[in-house]
Amino acid sequence: MGFKEGDLILEVGRASDCDENLRKQLIEITKSQFLNSDSQEVVDGVIIWWRDRDGDLVDELMDALTYLSESGPIWVLTPKVGRDGHVEPSEIQDAAPIAGLTQTSSLSFASDWSATRLVARKAGKR
C-alpha cells in the first residue's frame, strides 16, 4: 500500500467486519496507531472501509481530503463480490472524479476485501 514507518493514517468506517490482520500489519509498518476522524492532524494516507449501505461515497472522499497531505493516497476498501456490503467498482469510479480524485490501482486484500487507491488530481490537468 506504500506506507512506511512514521506515516500517519486516518481510518474511517472501522467495524467488526474489517480485516484485523491488515490493520495490524499497517500499524506494524508505520509504528503508529490509526487516527480517527476526531483528529485534526494532517495525515499521509486515509483508509476508508466502505460498504454499500454506508451512505454517500463522494461526501466521505471529500471529508477525507481535508485531512490528507498533498501527495497522500486514499485507499477505499470494499467487501469482495458475494460478501455482505459489496460495492460495485463503478461506484468508486464515478465518485472519485467528483471528489477531485483519480483512481490509480485496485488490489485484492485478504479473503474478504478489495482495495482501490485514489490520489488527488494534479493542478493543471484536465
Protein backbone atom coordinates (compact mmCIF):
# COMPACT_ATOMS: atom_id res chain seq x y z
CA MET A 1 0.00 0.00 0.00
CA GLY A 2 3.06 2.20 0.07
CA PHE A 3 3.05 3.20 3.73
CA LYS A 4 6.29 3.48 5.68
CA GLU A 5 7.48 3.95 9.23
CA GLY A 6 6.30 7.25 10.69
CA ASP A 7 3.33 7.69 8.35
CA LEU A 8 0.08 8.81 9.95
CA ILE A 9 -3.03 7.05 8.66
CA LEU A 10 -6.61 8.16 9.16
CA GLU A 11 -9.02 5.23 9.36
CA VAL A 12 -12.71 5.69 8.54
CA GLY A 13 -15.55 3.19 8.71
CA ARG A 14 -13.98 0.62 11.00
CA ALA A 15 -16.42 -2.05 12.15
CA SER A 16 -16.35 -5.64 13.33
CA ASP A 17 -16.11 -6.92 9.73
CA CYS A 18 -12.80 -5.14 8.99
CA ASP A 19 -9.69 -7.20 8.34
CA GLU A 20 -7.77 -7.07 11.62
CA ASN A 21 -4.68 -8.73 10.14
CA LEU A 22 -4.34 -5.95 7.56
CA ARG A 23 -4.78 -3.33 10.26
CA LYS A 24 -2.10 -4.96 12.44
CA GLN A 25 0.32 -5.19 9.51
CA LEU A 26 -0.10 -1.50 8.70
CA ILE A 27 0.36 -0.48 12.33
CA GLU A 28 3.49 -2.64 12.43
CA ILE A 29 4.87 -0.96 9.29
CA THR A 30 4.07 2.62 10.32
CA LYS A 31 4.79 2.15 14.04
CA SER A 32 1.73 4.38 14.59
CA GLN A 33 -1.83 3.75 15.67
CA PHE A 34 -4.52 4.80 13.21
CA LEU A 35 -6.13 8.17 13.74
CA ASN A 36 -9.90 8.63 13.63
CA SER A 37 -11.98 11.49 12.27
CA ASP A 38 -11.83 13.28 15.65
CA SER A 39 -8.17 14.02 14.92
CA GLN A 40 -7.11 17.34 13.44
CA GLU A 41 -3.76 16.04 12.15
CA VAL A 42 -2.61 16.16 8.54
CA VAL A 43 -2.17 12.52 7.53
CA ASP A 44 -0.03 10.65 5.00
CA GLY A 45 -2.87 8.37 3.92
CA VAL A 46 -6.50 7.53 4.51
CA ILE A 47 -8.12 4.10 4.69
CA ILE A 48 -11.87 4.03 4.19
CA TRP A 49 -13.69 0.77 4.94
CA TRP A 50 -16.71 1.21 2.63
CA ARG A 51 -19.86 -0.89 2.27
CA ASP A 52 -22.89 -0.43 0.05
CA ARG A 53 -25.01 0.80 2.97
CA ASP A 54 -22.55 3.44 4.19
CA GLY A 55 -24.07 6.49 2.52
CA ASP A 56 -22.57 8.92 0.01
CA LEU A 57 -19.05 7.97 -1.06
CA VAL A 58 -18.40 11.40 -2.63
CA ASP A 59 -19.06 13.09 0.72
CA GLU A 60 -16.76 10.63 2.51
CA LEU A 61 -13.96 11.20 -0.01
CA MET A 62 -14.31 14.98 0.26
CA ASP A 63 -14.14 14.74 4.06
CA ALA A 64 -11.02 12.55 3.83
CA LEU A 65 -9.30 15.10 1.59
CA THR A 66 -9.47 17.73 4.34
CA TYR A 67 -7.01 15.65 6.42
CA LEU A 68 -4.79 14.36 3.63
CA SER A 69 -1.30 15.62 2.77
CA GLU A 70 -0.82 16.80 -0.82
CA SER A 71 0.75 13.55 -2.01
CA GLY A 72 -1.05 11.00 0.19
CA PRO A 73 -3.35 8.28 -1.14
CA ILE A 74 -6.86 7.37 -0.12
CA TRP A 75 -7.47 3.62 -0.06
CA VAL A 76 -11.12 2.60 -0.35
CA LEU A 77 -11.52 -0.95 0.96
CA THR A 78 -14.72 -2.72 -0.06
CA PRO A 79 -16.13 -6.20 0.52
CA LYS A 80 -15.44 -8.57 -2.37
CA VAL A 81 -18.15 -9.85 -4.72
CA GLY A 82 -20.52 -12.16 -2.88
CA ARG A 83 -19.73 -10.63 0.53
CA ASP A 84 -22.20 -8.64 2.58
CA GLY A 85 -21.90 -4.94 1.70
CA HIS A 86 -20.24 -5.47 -1.71
CA VAL A 87 -19.74 -2.24 -3.65
CA GLU A 88 -19.64 -2.20 -7.43
CA PRO A 89 -16.32 -0.83 -8.75
CA SER A 90 -18.28 1.65 -10.88
CA GLU A 91 -19.46 3.39 -7.68
CA ILE A 92 -15.85 4.23 -6.82
CA GLN A 93 -15.02 5.12 -10.43
CA ASP A 94 -17.98 7.52 -10.53
CA ALA A 95 -17.32 9.10 -7.11
CA ALA A 96 -13.57 9.69 -7.46
CA PRO A 97 -13.55 12.41 -10.16
CA ILE A 98 -16.43 14.26 -8.50
CA ALA A 99 -14.27 14.47 -5.36
CA GLY A 100 -11.24 15.58 -7.40
CA LEU A 101 -9.50 12.21 -7.24
CA THR A 102 -8.06 9.79 -9.77
CA GLN A 103 -8.11 6.02 -9.43
CA THR A 104 -4.60 4.59 -9.81
CA SER A 105 -4.90 0.91 -8.92
CA SER A 106 -7.08 -1.82 -7.48
CA LEU A 107 -5.83 -4.73 -5.40
CA SER A 108 -7.23 -7.78 -3.68
CA PHE A 109 -6.66 -7.84 0.07
CA ALA A 110 -7.34 -10.81 2.29
CA SER A 111 -10.19 -13.14 1.53
CA ASP A 112 -12.97 -10.61 2.05
CA TRP A 113 -11.71 -7.17 0.95
CA SER A 114 -10.62 -5.37 -2.22
CA ALA A 115 -8.79 -2.04 -2.22
CA THR A 116 -8.84 0.87 -4.63
CA ARG A 117 -6.13 3.53 -4.49
CA LEU A 118 -7.16 7.12 -5.18
CA VAL A 119 -4.95 10.21 -5.38
CA ALA A 120 -5.66 13.89 -5.81
CA ARG A 121 -5.55 15.11 -9.38
CA LYS A 122 -2.58 17.33 -10.10
CA ALA A 123 -3.30 21.03 -10.59
CA GLY A 124 -3.46 22.00 -14.23
CA LYS A 125 -4.50 18.57 -15.51
CA ARG A 126 -7.79 18.21 -17.28
